[in-house]
Amino acid sequence: MTDQTSPRPRFGQFVPRTFLDRPIGAALALLVFAMLVRMRDYGNPVAHVDEQYYLLVGDRLLHGARLYIDLWDRKPPGLFLLFAGFRLLPGDGFLAYQLVATLSVAATGWLIWWAARRMALAGPAGLAAGAAYILWLPLLSGGSGQSPVFYNLAMTAAAVLTLRLPRLAERRAVGAIVASGTVACLLAGVAIQIKYTPLVEGAFFGLAHLWYLWRARARIVAMAAAASLWMALGLLPTALIVLQYWSKGPAAFDAFWFANFTSITLRRGYPVAKIIGRLAGIGGQLLPLIACAGIAWRKGPSSPAMTLTRLWLAFALVAFAMIGAFFDHYALPLVAPLALAAAPAFAMGRRIILPVFLIGAGLFVFHAATNDPSEGDGIRRMARVMASVDGQQCPYVFAGDSSLYHLSQGCIPTAYAFPSSLSYEAERGAIGVDERAEVARIVAHRPPAIVTLDDPFSPWNAATQGLIAHRLATDYRLVMAVPREGRHELLYVRRDLPVPSPQ
């Protein structure tokens, strides 16, 4: 018989953990959730204007194109090498990078779960924090393959290592702290070669390791040596890239340096009203997580790990503010530290978790209703028409989707194939060439097809748009229009060319 008078075991002492409390269970749950959240855009060639260009460049690099000379952009080479790797997978590349992005998002969510468990928070709190990260990415244009979707994984892994530092310092585990800093800074260095802004977060990880190295009573010489090692490793991937371009000669190096470090300083600012609107939109999307982070700060348990999480968030905010354009996807690096900072609020139970996820689900449904992935089908049809008229000549996408080059397998008439480079006012004078002269050169070769928009996403570059409008009116006819985010993408074909059916 059971002894009714025996003391009951304390919670967690003998009660077996549920499947979701185990690492494998949490990982599988977050992976399934990530697939459900992101599957709507699987295979969509126009999920976002940025990533379709990354794929185009990655594909052409495999066919001999020279980055910054044959195809121009401001992003570091690591990002394009990543997308070149995706082209080695089966298919046209879109589904491949989107599936890898799903794995990256699920893994980042799992690391957030793991970090919450390291903070001694209950399993449901960590699972909610990881799921919040997954759910909030699409609300900020991160539902497919934006660059932070990939480098957030490295930065969150570095953050998990950083959160261990208080315990290591208590044990005076100097060697373990040095090893942790080595890995964290190398992860940051890899992230920097996907986008340069993780440099700020990487600096935080290095400083945090240095602080706790001092708390562990390390010698000054050891601290100096460790700091030098960490800085060197954080800069190593970028240094290797710089040396590679240096070895290619002055032309290649100058093109690399201008694209990566000079051109951003020449970019024109956006109107104050537009910046305020973007910030309001970002703040509104993130408000539920911000509120939870605030509740956690006021009512949650205080710990060194939570302090480190909030500092990570603060440094991520600095990186977000650095560029100044404040597009919604620039806020994607904030989501991981914000979700982790909110985890103590999630530990308060359903009264917090339920309303937050109801709001998140509502925002997700709203975004899904206003972004139609079937628009990609129209772009694929447009690409087939382009391919049928191209011949040996290059079509020109003045404004619209650069994925048309990839889908039609047409040649590219300019190094500035990212459409906004030559078509929008914000880039005027910032890309290293006279935009009007470059567009005049392109149209002088009489492209068989020209693509533009009936309404721009940003103010036109008046000089280049006027040139295109004149040429379209005199030498081209409109043969196709497809819906694109409340506008229409327009395909014009030269008047002397026959136009087959897009079917």
Protein backbone atom coordinates (compact mmCIF):
# COMPACT_ATOMS: atom_id res chain seq x y z
CA MET A 1 0.00 0.00 0.00
CA THR A 2 1.06 3.57 -0.62
CA ASP A 3 2.01 5.43 2.50
CA GLN A 4 -0.47 8.33 2.50
CA THR A 5 1.57 10.12 5.15
CA SER A 6 4.86 10.18 3.20
CA PRO A 7 5.93 13.63 2.01
CA ARG A 8 5.11 14.50 -1.57
CA PRO A 9 8.13 15.05 -3.85
CA ARG A 10 8.96 18.62 -4.73
CA PHE A 11 8.08 19.69 -8.25
CA GLY A 12 10.71 18.51 -10.69
CA GLN A 13 12.43 16.15 -8.24
CA PHE A 14 10.76 12.90 -9.33
CA VAL A 15 8.16 14.10 -11.83
CA PRO A 16 9.35 13.03 -15.29
CA ARG A 17 9.88 15.80 -17.79
CA THR A 18 7.43 16.04 -20.67
CA PHE A 19 8.64 15.55 -24.21
CA LEU A 20 8.63 19.30 -24.86
CA ASP A 21 10.87 19.87 -21.85
CA ARG A 22 13.61 17.84 -23.50
CA PRO A 23 15.98 19.41 -26.04
CA ILE A 24 14.89 17.08 -28.86
CA GLY A 25 11.22 17.69 -28.12
CA ALA A 26 11.63 21.46 -28.07
CA ALA A 27 13.69 21.35 -31.27
CA LEU A 28 11.07 19.31 -33.14
CA ALA A 29 8.21 21.48 -31.90
CA LEU A 30 9.96 24.68 -32.96
CA LEU A 31 10.90 23.19 -36.34
CA VAL A 32 7.29 22.20 -37.05
CA PHE A 33 6.10 25.62 -35.95
CA ALA A 34 8.70 27.34 -38.16
CA MET A 35 7.59 25.29 -41.17
CA LEU A 36 3.92 26.13 -40.57
CA VAL A 37 4.68 29.84 -40.21
CA ARG A 38 6.95 30.05 -43.27
CA MET A 39 5.60 27.45 -45.72
CA ARG A 40 3.28 29.94 -47.37
CA ASP A 41 6.24 31.49 -49.19
CA TYR A 42 8.01 28.26 -50.12
CA GLY A 43 9.08 28.56 -53.75
CA ASN A 44 7.94 32.17 -54.03
CA PRO A 45 10.43 34.00 -56.32
CA VAL A 46 9.35 37.44 -55.11
CA ALA A 47 9.18 36.91 -51.34
CA HIS A 48 11.39 39.98 -50.90
CA VAL A 49 13.27 42.20 -53.31
CA ASP A 50 16.57 41.80 -51.44
CA GLU A 51 16.89 38.05 -51.25
CA GLN A 52 15.93 37.46 -54.89
CA TYR A 53 18.90 39.66 -55.79
CA TYR A 54 21.18 37.72 -53.44
CA LEU A 55 20.15 34.54 -55.24
CA LEU A 56 20.70 36.10 -58.66
CA VAL A 57 24.21 37.22 -57.73
CA GLY A 58 25.02 33.90 -56.07
CA ASP A 59 23.94 32.06 -59.21
CA ARG A 60 25.97 34.28 -61.53
CA LEU A 61 29.06 33.99 -59.31
CA LEU A 62 28.98 30.27 -60.02
CA HIS A 63 29.02 31.14 -63.72
CA GLY A 64 32.05 33.42 -63.50
CA ALA A 65 30.64 36.83 -62.62
CA ARG A 66 32.88 39.10 -60.55
CA LEU A 67 31.30 40.58 -57.47
CA TYR A 68 31.34 44.43 -57.35
CA ILE A 69 32.59 44.59 -60.95
CA ASP A 70 30.10 42.56 -63.02
CA LEU A 71 27.39 42.73 -60.35
CA TRP A 72 27.31 45.47 -57.74
CA ASP A 73 25.91 45.65 -54.22
CA ARG A 74 26.89 46.95 -50.78
CA LYS A 75 26.64 43.65 -48.93
CA PRO A 76 29.79 41.72 -47.94
CA PRO A 77 30.91 38.77 -50.07
CA GLY A 78 29.94 36.18 -47.45
CA LEU A 79 26.25 36.77 -48.08
CA PHE A 80 26.56 36.10 -51.80
CA LEU A 81 28.77 33.07 -51.24
CA LEU A 82 26.04 31.73 -48.94
CA PHE A 83 23.45 32.10 -51.69
CA ALA A 84 25.84 30.64 -54.23
CA GLY A 85 25.90 27.59 -51.98
CA PHE A 86 22.11 27.40 -52.11
CA ARG A 87 22.34 27.19 -55.92
CA LEU A 88 24.26 23.96 -55.55
CA LEU A 89 21.09 22.38 -54.14
CA PRO A 90 18.37 21.01 -56.45
CA GLY A 91 15.86 23.34 -58.06
CA ASP A 92 15.96 26.97 -59.12
CA GLY A 93 17.24 28.09 -55.72
CA PHE A 94 14.17 29.74 -54.23
CA LEU A 95 12.81 26.75 -52.33
CA ALA A 96 16.34 25.70 -51.38
CA TYR A 97 17.26 28.93 -49.60
CA GLN A 98 13.83 29.17 -48.01
CA LEU A 99 14.11 25.65 -46.54
CA VAL A 100 17.59 26.36 -45.20
CA ALA A 101 16.24 29.60 -43.76
CA THR A 102 13.53 27.61 -41.98
CA LEU A 103 16.15 25.37 -40.41
CA SER A 104 18.14 28.44 -39.36
CA VAL A 105 15.08 30.07 -37.79
CA ALA A 106 14.10 26.90 -35.93
CA ALA A 107 17.66 26.46 -34.66
CA THR A 108 17.74 30.07 -33.45
CA GLY A 109 14.42 29.56 -31.68
CA TRP A 110 15.85 26.45 -30.03
CA LEU A 111 18.89 28.40 -28.82
CA ILE A 112 16.53 30.95 -27.27
CA TRP A 113 14.71 28.06 -25.54
CA TRP A 114 18.06 26.73 -24.33
CA ALA A 115 19.14 30.15 -23.04
CA ALA A 116 15.85 30.50 -21.13
CA ARG A 117 16.43 27.11 -19.52
CA ARG A 118 19.93 28.25 -18.55
CA MET A 119 18.20 31.12 -16.73
CA ALA A 120 16.26 28.52 -14.72
CA LEU A 121 12.98 29.50 -16.38
CA ALA A 122 10.33 26.82 -16.81
CA GLY A 123 10.18 24.93 -20.10
CA PRO A 124 6.99 26.62 -21.37
CA ALA A 125 8.58 30.06 -20.95
CA GLY A 126 11.57 29.12 -23.10
CA LEU A 127 9.35 27.43 -25.67
CA ALA A 128 7.15 30.54 -25.85
CA ALA A 129 10.23 32.76 -26.29
CA GLY A 130 11.56 30.56 -29.10
CA ALA A 131 8.15 30.46 -30.78
CA ALA A 132 7.82 34.24 -30.44
CA TYR A 133 11.07 34.66 -32.32
CA ILE A 134 9.76 32.44 -35.12
CA LEU A 135 6.37 34.16 -35.30
CA TRP A 136 7.64 37.73 -35.24
CA LEU A 137 10.19 37.42 -38.06
CA PRO A 138 7.57 37.43 -40.86
CA LEU A 139 5.99 40.55 -39.36
CA LEU A 140 9.23 42.39 -40.23
CA SER A 141 9.74 40.99 -43.75
CA GLY A 142 11.76 38.08 -42.36
CA GLY A 143 9.45 35.30 -43.50
CA SER A 144 11.75 34.01 -46.23
CA GLY A 145 15.51 34.55 -46.55
CA GLN A 146 16.56 38.01 -45.40
CA SER A 147 20.20 38.08 -44.25
CA PRO A 148 19.46 38.32 -40.46
CA VAL A 149 17.49 35.07 -40.74
CA PHE A 150 20.87 33.40 -41.24
CA TYR A 151 23.28 35.45 -39.13
CA ASN A 152 20.90 35.67 -36.15
CA LEU A 153 21.73 32.00 -35.62
CA ALA A 154 25.42 32.79 -35.15
CA MET A 155 24.71 35.79 -32.93
CA THR A 156 22.28 33.89 -30.73
CA ALA A 157 24.79 31.05 -30.35
CA ALA A 158 27.36 33.64 -29.25
CA ALA A 159 24.80 35.07 -26.81
CA VAL A 160 24.17 31.64 -25.28
CA LEU A 161 27.90 31.32 -24.66
CA THR A 162 27.94 34.79 -23.12
CA LEU A 163 25.10 33.96 -20.73
CA ARG A 164 27.28 31.22 -19.20
CA LEU A 165 29.91 33.73 -18.12
CA PRO A 166 28.61 34.53 -14.60
CA ARG A 167 28.83 30.87 -13.56
CA LEU A 168 32.24 30.44 -15.17
CA ALA A 169 33.51 33.52 -13.36
CA GLU A 170 32.24 32.20 -10.04
CA ARG A 171 34.33 29.08 -10.60
CA ARG A 172 37.27 31.20 -11.80
CA ALA A 173 37.31 29.10 -14.94
CA VAL A 174 39.68 31.38 -16.86
CA GLY A 175 40.43 28.83 -19.56
CA ALA A 176 36.73 28.17 -20.19
CA ILE A 177 36.03 31.91 -20.51
CA VAL A 178 38.88 32.31 -23.00
CA ALA A 179 37.54 29.38 -25.03
CA SER A 180 34.01 30.76 -24.89
CA GLY A 181 35.17 34.17 -26.08
CA THR A 182 37.14 32.56 -28.89
CA VAL A 183 34.06 30.80 -30.24
CA ALA A 184 31.71 33.76 -29.67
CA CYS A 185 33.95 36.24 -31.46
CA LEU A 186 34.57 33.86 -34.35
CA LEU A 187 30.79 33.43 -34.72
CA ALA A 188 30.44 37.20 -34.76
CA GLY A 189 33.16 37.40 -37.41
CA VAL A 190 31.24 35.00 -39.63
CA ALA A 191 28.06 37.04 -39.12
CA ILE A 192 29.91 40.22 -40.09
CA GLN A 193 30.63 38.70 -43.49
CA ILE A 194 26.89 38.30 -44.03
CA LYS A 195 26.16 41.88 -42.97
CA TYR A 196 28.44 44.40 -41.30
CA THR A 197 26.10 45.57 -38.51
CA PRO A 198 26.72 42.48 -36.29
CA LEU A 199 30.07 44.13 -35.57
CA VAL A 200 28.28 46.04 -32.78
CA GLU A 201 26.84 42.93 -31.15
CA GLY A 202 30.18 41.17 -31.58
CA ALA A 203 31.85 44.02 -29.69
CA PHE A 204 29.40 43.45 -26.83
CA PHE A 205 30.18 39.74 -26.68
CA GLY A 206 33.90 40.50 -26.56
CA LEU A 207 33.52 43.14 -23.85
CA ALA A 208 31.30 40.87 -21.77
CA HIS A 209 33.87 38.08 -21.93
CA LEU A 210 36.62 40.52 -20.98
CA TRP A 211 34.61 41.76 -17.97
CA TYR A 212 34.00 38.28 -16.66
CA LEU A 213 37.58 37.33 -17.31
CA TRP A 214 38.49 40.12 -14.90
CA ARG A 215 35.84 38.88 -12.46
CA ALA A 216 37.48 35.43 -12.64
CA ARG A 217 40.72 37.03 -11.39
CA ALA A 218 42.63 36.50 -14.62
CA ARG A 219 46.03 38.16 -14.89
CA ILE A 220 46.30 41.39 -16.85
CA VAL A 221 48.64 39.76 -19.36
CA ALA A 222 46.17 36.93 -19.92
CA MET A 223 43.34 39.42 -20.35
CA ALA A 224 45.31 41.44 -22.90
CA ALA A 225 46.25 38.31 -24.83
CA ALA A 226 42.64 37.05 -24.80
CA ALA A 227 41.27 40.42 -25.95
CA SER A 228 43.78 40.52 -28.81
CA LEU A 229 42.88 36.98 -29.83
CA TRP A 230 39.14 37.71 -29.76
CA MET A 231 39.46 40.90 -31.80
CA ALA A 232 41.64 39.12 -34.33
CA LEU A 233 39.15 36.27 -34.71
CA GLY A 234 36.21 38.65 -34.98
CA LEU A 235 37.94 40.50 -37.81
CA LEU A 236 39.56 37.45 -39.41
CA PRO A 237 36.86 36.57 -42.01
CA THR A 238 36.67 40.18 -43.18
CA ALA A 239 40.47 40.53 -43.18
CA LEU A 240 40.77 37.45 -45.38
CA ILE A 241 38.27 38.93 -47.83
CA VAL A 242 40.13 42.27 -47.88
CA LEU A 243 43.43 40.49 -48.55
CA GLN A 244 41.84 38.45 -51.32
CA TYR A 245 40.61 41.57 -53.12
CA TRP A 246 43.95 43.29 -52.50
CA SER A 247 45.69 40.40 -54.24
CA LYS A 248 43.47 40.81 -57.30
CA GLY A 249 44.87 44.25 -58.05
CA PRO A 250 43.87 47.90 -57.63
CA ALA A 251 40.73 47.76 -59.80
CA ALA A 252 39.17 44.86 -57.91
CA PHE A 253 40.18 46.24 -54.52
CA ASP A 254 38.88 49.73 -55.25
CA ALA A 255 35.55 48.31 -56.45
CA PHE A 256 35.28 46.18 -53.29
CA TRP A 257 36.20 49.03 -50.95
CA PHE A 258 33.84 51.53 -52.54
CA ALA A 259 30.89 49.13 -52.52
CA ASN A 260 31.42 47.90 -48.97
CA PHE A 261 32.60 50.97 -47.09
CA THR A 262 32.25 54.19 -49.10
CA SER A 263 28.98 54.08 -51.00
CA ILE A 264 26.77 53.84 -47.90
CA THR A 265 28.03 57.26 -46.81
CA LEU A 266 26.86 58.74 -50.13
CA ARG A 267 23.33 57.40 -49.95
CA ARG A 268 20.65 60.08 -49.69
CA GLY A 269 18.46 60.22 -46.60
CA TYR A 270 14.73 59.64 -46.55
CA PRO A 271 12.17 62.29 -45.58
CA VAL A 272 11.63 62.65 -41.83
CA ALA A 273 7.96 61.75 -42.16
CA LYS A 274 8.84 58.47 -43.86
CA ILE A 275 11.43 57.63 -41.18
CA ILE A 276 8.91 58.35 -38.42
CA GLY A 277 6.35 56.19 -40.18
CA ARG A 278 8.80 53.29 -40.50
CA LEU A 279 9.81 53.53 -36.84
CA ALA A 280 6.16 53.66 -35.78
CA GLY A 281 5.43 50.57 -37.85
CA ILE A 282 8.38 48.66 -36.40
CA GLY A 283 7.49 49.73 -32.86
CA GLY A 284 3.89 48.70 -33.35
CA GLN A 285 4.85 45.26 -34.62
CA LEU A 286 7.26 44.67 -31.75
CA LEU A 287 5.09 46.25 -29.04
CA PRO A 288 3.83 42.95 -27.52
CA LEU A 289 7.39 41.71 -27.06
CA ILE A 290 8.54 45.11 -25.82
CA ALA A 291 5.73 45.08 -23.26
CA CYS A 292 6.72 41.60 -22.09
CA ALA A 293 10.36 42.64 -21.79
CA GLY A 294 9.20 45.60 -19.69
CA ILE A 295 7.10 43.35 -17.45
CA ALA A 296 10.06 41.01 -17.05
CA TRP A 297 12.28 43.94 -16.07
CA ARG A 298 9.85 45.18 -13.41
CA LYS A 299 8.43 41.92 -12.04
CA GLY A 300 10.66 39.09 -13.22
CA PRO A 301 13.62 37.62 -11.36
CA SER A 302 16.84 39.58 -11.56
CA SER A 303 19.98 37.73 -12.56
CA PRO A 304 23.33 38.42 -14.25
CA ALA A 305 22.12 36.45 -17.27
CA MET A 306 19.10 38.72 -17.66
CA THR A 307 21.34 41.76 -17.36
CA LEU A 308 23.52 40.39 -20.15
CA THR A 309 20.41 39.74 -22.28
CA ARG A 310 19.27 43.34 -21.87
CA LEU A 311 22.73 44.61 -22.73
CA TRP A 312 22.72 42.43 -25.84
CA LEU A 313 19.40 44.03 -26.79
CA ALA A 314 20.83 47.50 -26.18
CA PHE A 315 23.81 46.86 -28.46
CA ALA A 316 21.49 45.39 -31.11
CA LEU A 317 19.48 48.62 -30.93
CA VAL A 318 22.65 50.61 -31.58
CA ALA A 319 23.35 48.48 -34.66
CA PHE A 320 19.76 48.98 -35.82
CA ALA A 321 20.10 52.76 -35.53
CA MET A 322 23.45 52.95 -37.31
CA ILE A 323 22.22 52.74 -40.92
CA GLY A 324 19.36 55.16 -40.40
CA ALA A 325 17.02 54.02 -43.19
CA PHE A 326 14.88 51.98 -40.75
CA PHE A 327 13.31 49.54 -43.19
CA ASP A 328 11.32 46.97 -41.25
CA HIS A 329 13.75 44.13 -41.96
CA TYR A 330 16.56 46.15 -40.38
CA ALA A 331 14.83 45.37 -37.06
CA LEU A 332 15.12 41.59 -37.51
CA PRO A 333 18.28 41.37 -35.34
CA LEU A 334 16.28 42.82 -32.43
CA VAL A 335 13.83 39.93 -32.32
CA ALA A 336 16.09 37.29 -30.74
CA PRO A 337 17.32 39.39 -27.77
CA LEU A 338 13.84 40.86 -27.36
CA ALA A 339 12.21 37.41 -27.26
CA LEU A 340 14.75 36.23 -24.70
CA ALA A 341 14.28 39.40 -22.63
CA ALA A 342 10.53 38.65 -22.64
CA ALA A 343 10.99 35.05 -21.44
CA PRO A 344 10.62 35.85 -17.69
CA ALA A 345 7.23 37.40 -18.47
CA PHE A 346 6.23 34.23 -20.33
CA ALA A 347 7.16 32.32 -17.16
CA MET A 348 4.22 34.04 -15.47
CA GLY A 349 1.93 31.70 -17.39
CA ARG A 350 -1.00 31.77 -19.76
CA ARG A 351 -2.20 35.20 -18.72
CA ILE A 352 0.86 36.61 -20.53
CA ILE A 353 1.52 33.99 -23.19
CA LEU A 354 -2.04 33.73 -24.51
CA PRO A 355 -2.70 37.43 -25.27
CA VAL A 356 0.77 37.92 -26.73
CA PHE A 357 0.38 35.05 -29.17
CA LEU A 358 -3.18 36.03 -30.02
CA ILE A 359 -1.90 39.48 -30.99
CA GLY A 360 1.03 37.93 -32.87
CA ALA A 361 -1.31 35.57 -34.72
CA GLY A 362 -3.58 38.48 -35.61
CA LEU A 363 -0.66 40.45 -37.00
CA PHE A 364 0.50 37.41 -38.91
CA VAL A 365 -2.93 36.91 -40.49
CA PHE A 366 -3.06 40.60 -41.41
CA HIS A 367 0.31 40.38 -43.15
CA ALA A 368 -0.72 37.18 -44.90
CA ALA A 369 -3.85 38.88 -46.20
CA THR A 370 -1.90 41.84 -47.58
CA ASN A 371 0.98 39.85 -49.14
CA ASP A 372 -0.10 37.44 -51.83
CA PRO A 373 2.53 34.77 -52.63
CA SER A 374 0.63 33.94 -55.83
CA GLU A 375 2.10 37.15 -57.27
CA GLY A 376 5.17 35.01 -57.86
CA ASP A 377 3.20 33.03 -60.45
CA GLY A 378 2.70 36.20 -62.47
CA ILE A 379 6.42 36.95 -62.31
CA ARG A 380 7.21 33.44 -63.53
CA ARG A 381 4.86 33.97 -66.51
CA MET A 382 6.52 37.31 -67.20
CA ALA A 383 9.94 35.62 -67.13
CA ARG A 384 8.79 33.11 -69.75
CA VAL A 385 7.75 35.93 -72.08
CA MET A 386 11.09 37.66 -71.50
CA ALA A 387 12.95 34.45 -72.30
CA SER A 388 11.03 34.04 -75.56
CA VAL A 389 12.07 37.46 -76.89
CA ASP A 390 15.57 37.79 -75.47
CA GLY A 391 17.54 35.97 -78.13
CA GLN A 392 21.15 36.96 -77.68
CA GLN A 393 20.27 40.37 -76.25
CA CYS A 394 19.82 41.40 -72.64
CA PRO A 395 16.46 42.45 -71.22
CA TYR A 396 16.42 45.27 -68.70
CA VAL A 397 14.59 45.38 -65.37
CA PHE A 398 14.53 49.11 -64.64
CA ALA A 399 12.18 48.73 -61.66
CA GLY A 400 10.62 45.56 -60.29
CA ASP A 401 11.97 42.11 -59.56
CA SER A 402 15.56 41.12 -60.30
CA SER A 403 14.42 37.48 -60.07
CA LEU A 404 13.21 37.98 -63.66
CA TYR A 405 16.84 37.76 -64.80
CA HIS A 406 17.26 34.52 -62.88
CA LEU A 407 13.99 32.94 -63.98
CA SER A 408 14.44 33.88 -67.64
CA GLN A 409 18.16 33.03 -67.55
CA GLY A 410 18.71 36.18 -69.55
CA CYS A 411 21.94 38.12 -69.64
CA ILE A 412 22.20 41.20 -67.45
CA PRO A 413 22.90 44.51 -69.21
CA THR A 414 24.41 46.34 -66.23
CA ALA A 415 26.42 45.72 -63.11
CA TYR A 416 23.73 47.69 -61.23
CA ALA A 417 21.07 45.03 -61.60
CA PHE A 418 19.46 45.68 -58.24
CA PRO A 419 16.64 47.81 -59.68
CA SER A 420 16.64 50.61 -57.11
CA SER A 421 20.29 51.40 -57.85
CA LEU A 422 19.43 53.21 -61.08
CA SER A 423 15.74 53.94 -60.66
CA TYR A 424 15.29 55.53 -57.22
CA GLU A 425 16.26 58.94 -55.91
CA ALA A 426 17.77 57.60 -52.67
CA GLU A 427 20.63 56.04 -54.66
CA ARG A 428 21.38 59.02 -56.88
CA GLY A 429 25.08 59.82 -56.63
CA ALA A 430 25.77 56.88 -54.30
CA ILE A 431 26.70 53.98 -56.55
CA GLY A 432 29.84 55.32 -58.19
CA VAL A 433 28.52 56.03 -61.71
CA ASP A 434 26.34 58.60 -63.42
CA GLU A 435 22.96 56.87 -63.25
CA ARG A 436 21.49 58.63 -66.27
CA ALA A 437 24.53 57.86 -68.40
CA GLU A 438 24.35 54.21 -67.37
CA VAL A 439 20.66 53.93 -68.26
CA ALA A 440 21.33 55.73 -71.56
CA ARG A 441 24.04 53.19 -72.33
CA ILE A 442 21.67 50.31 -71.57
CA VAL A 443 18.79 51.54 -73.74
CA ALA A 444 21.20 52.42 -76.56
CA HIS A 445 21.66 48.67 -76.98
CA ARG A 446 17.89 48.35 -77.56
CA PRO A 447 16.92 45.75 -74.94
CA PRO A 448 14.30 43.35 -76.32
CA ALA A 449 12.24 43.81 -73.15
CA ILE A 450 12.08 46.42 -70.39
CA VAL A 451 10.35 45.96 -67.04
CA THR A 452 9.15 48.79 -64.82
CA LEU A 453 6.42 49.66 -62.30
CA ASP A 454 3.33 51.81 -62.72
CA ASP A 455 3.92 53.22 -59.23
CA PRO A 456 7.36 53.20 -57.55
CA PHE A 457 8.05 51.91 -54.04
CA SER A 458 10.25 54.96 -53.46
CA PRO A 459 10.59 58.32 -55.25
CA TRP A 460 11.91 57.94 -58.79
CA ASN A 461 15.27 59.18 -59.93
CA ALA A 462 13.70 61.75 -62.24
CA ALA A 463 16.54 61.73 -64.76
CA THR A 464 16.61 57.97 -65.33
CA GLN A 465 12.85 57.48 -65.12
CA GLY A 466 12.28 60.23 -67.69
CA LEU A 467 14.74 58.58 -70.06
CA ILE A 468 13.02 55.19 -69.69
CA ALA A 469 9.53 56.68 -70.06
CA HIS A 470 10.53 58.39 -73.33
CA ARG A 471 12.07 55.24 -74.76
CA LEU A 472 9.08 53.10 -73.78
CA ALA A 473 6.70 55.55 -75.44
CA THR A 474 8.60 55.58 -78.74
CA ASP A 475 10.06 52.09 -79.20
CA TYR A 476 8.15 49.63 -76.99
CA ARG A 477 4.64 48.33 -76.38
CA LEU A 478 3.10 47.08 -73.16
CA VAL A 479 2.41 43.36 -73.40
CA MET A 480 1.89 42.28 -69.80
CA ALA A 481 1.03 43.64 -66.37
CA VAL A 482 1.05 41.59 -63.17
CA PRO A 483 0.02 42.63 -59.64
CA ARG A 484 2.82 43.49 -57.22
CA GLU A 485 2.07 44.72 -53.69
CA GLY A 486 -0.76 47.03 -54.64
CA ARG A 487 0.97 48.11 -57.84
CA HIS A 488 1.57 46.54 -61.23
CA GLU A 489 4.80 45.31 -62.73
CA LEU A 490 4.84 46.11 -66.42
CA LEU A 491 6.58 44.26 -69.24
CA TYR A 492 7.30 46.19 -72.42
CA VAL A 493 8.60 44.48 -75.56
CA ARG A 494 10.32 46.20 -78.46
CA ARG A 495 7.82 46.95 -81.21
CA ASP A 496 9.67 44.98 -83.91
CA LEU A 497 9.54 41.73 -81.93
CA PRO A 498 6.66 39.21 -81.89
CA VAL A 499 5.21 38.38 -78.49
CA PRO A 500 4.10 34.81 -77.75
CA SER A 501 1.53 33.87 -75.16
CA PRO A 502 2.80 33.88 -71.54
CA GLN A 503 1.24 30.44 -71.14
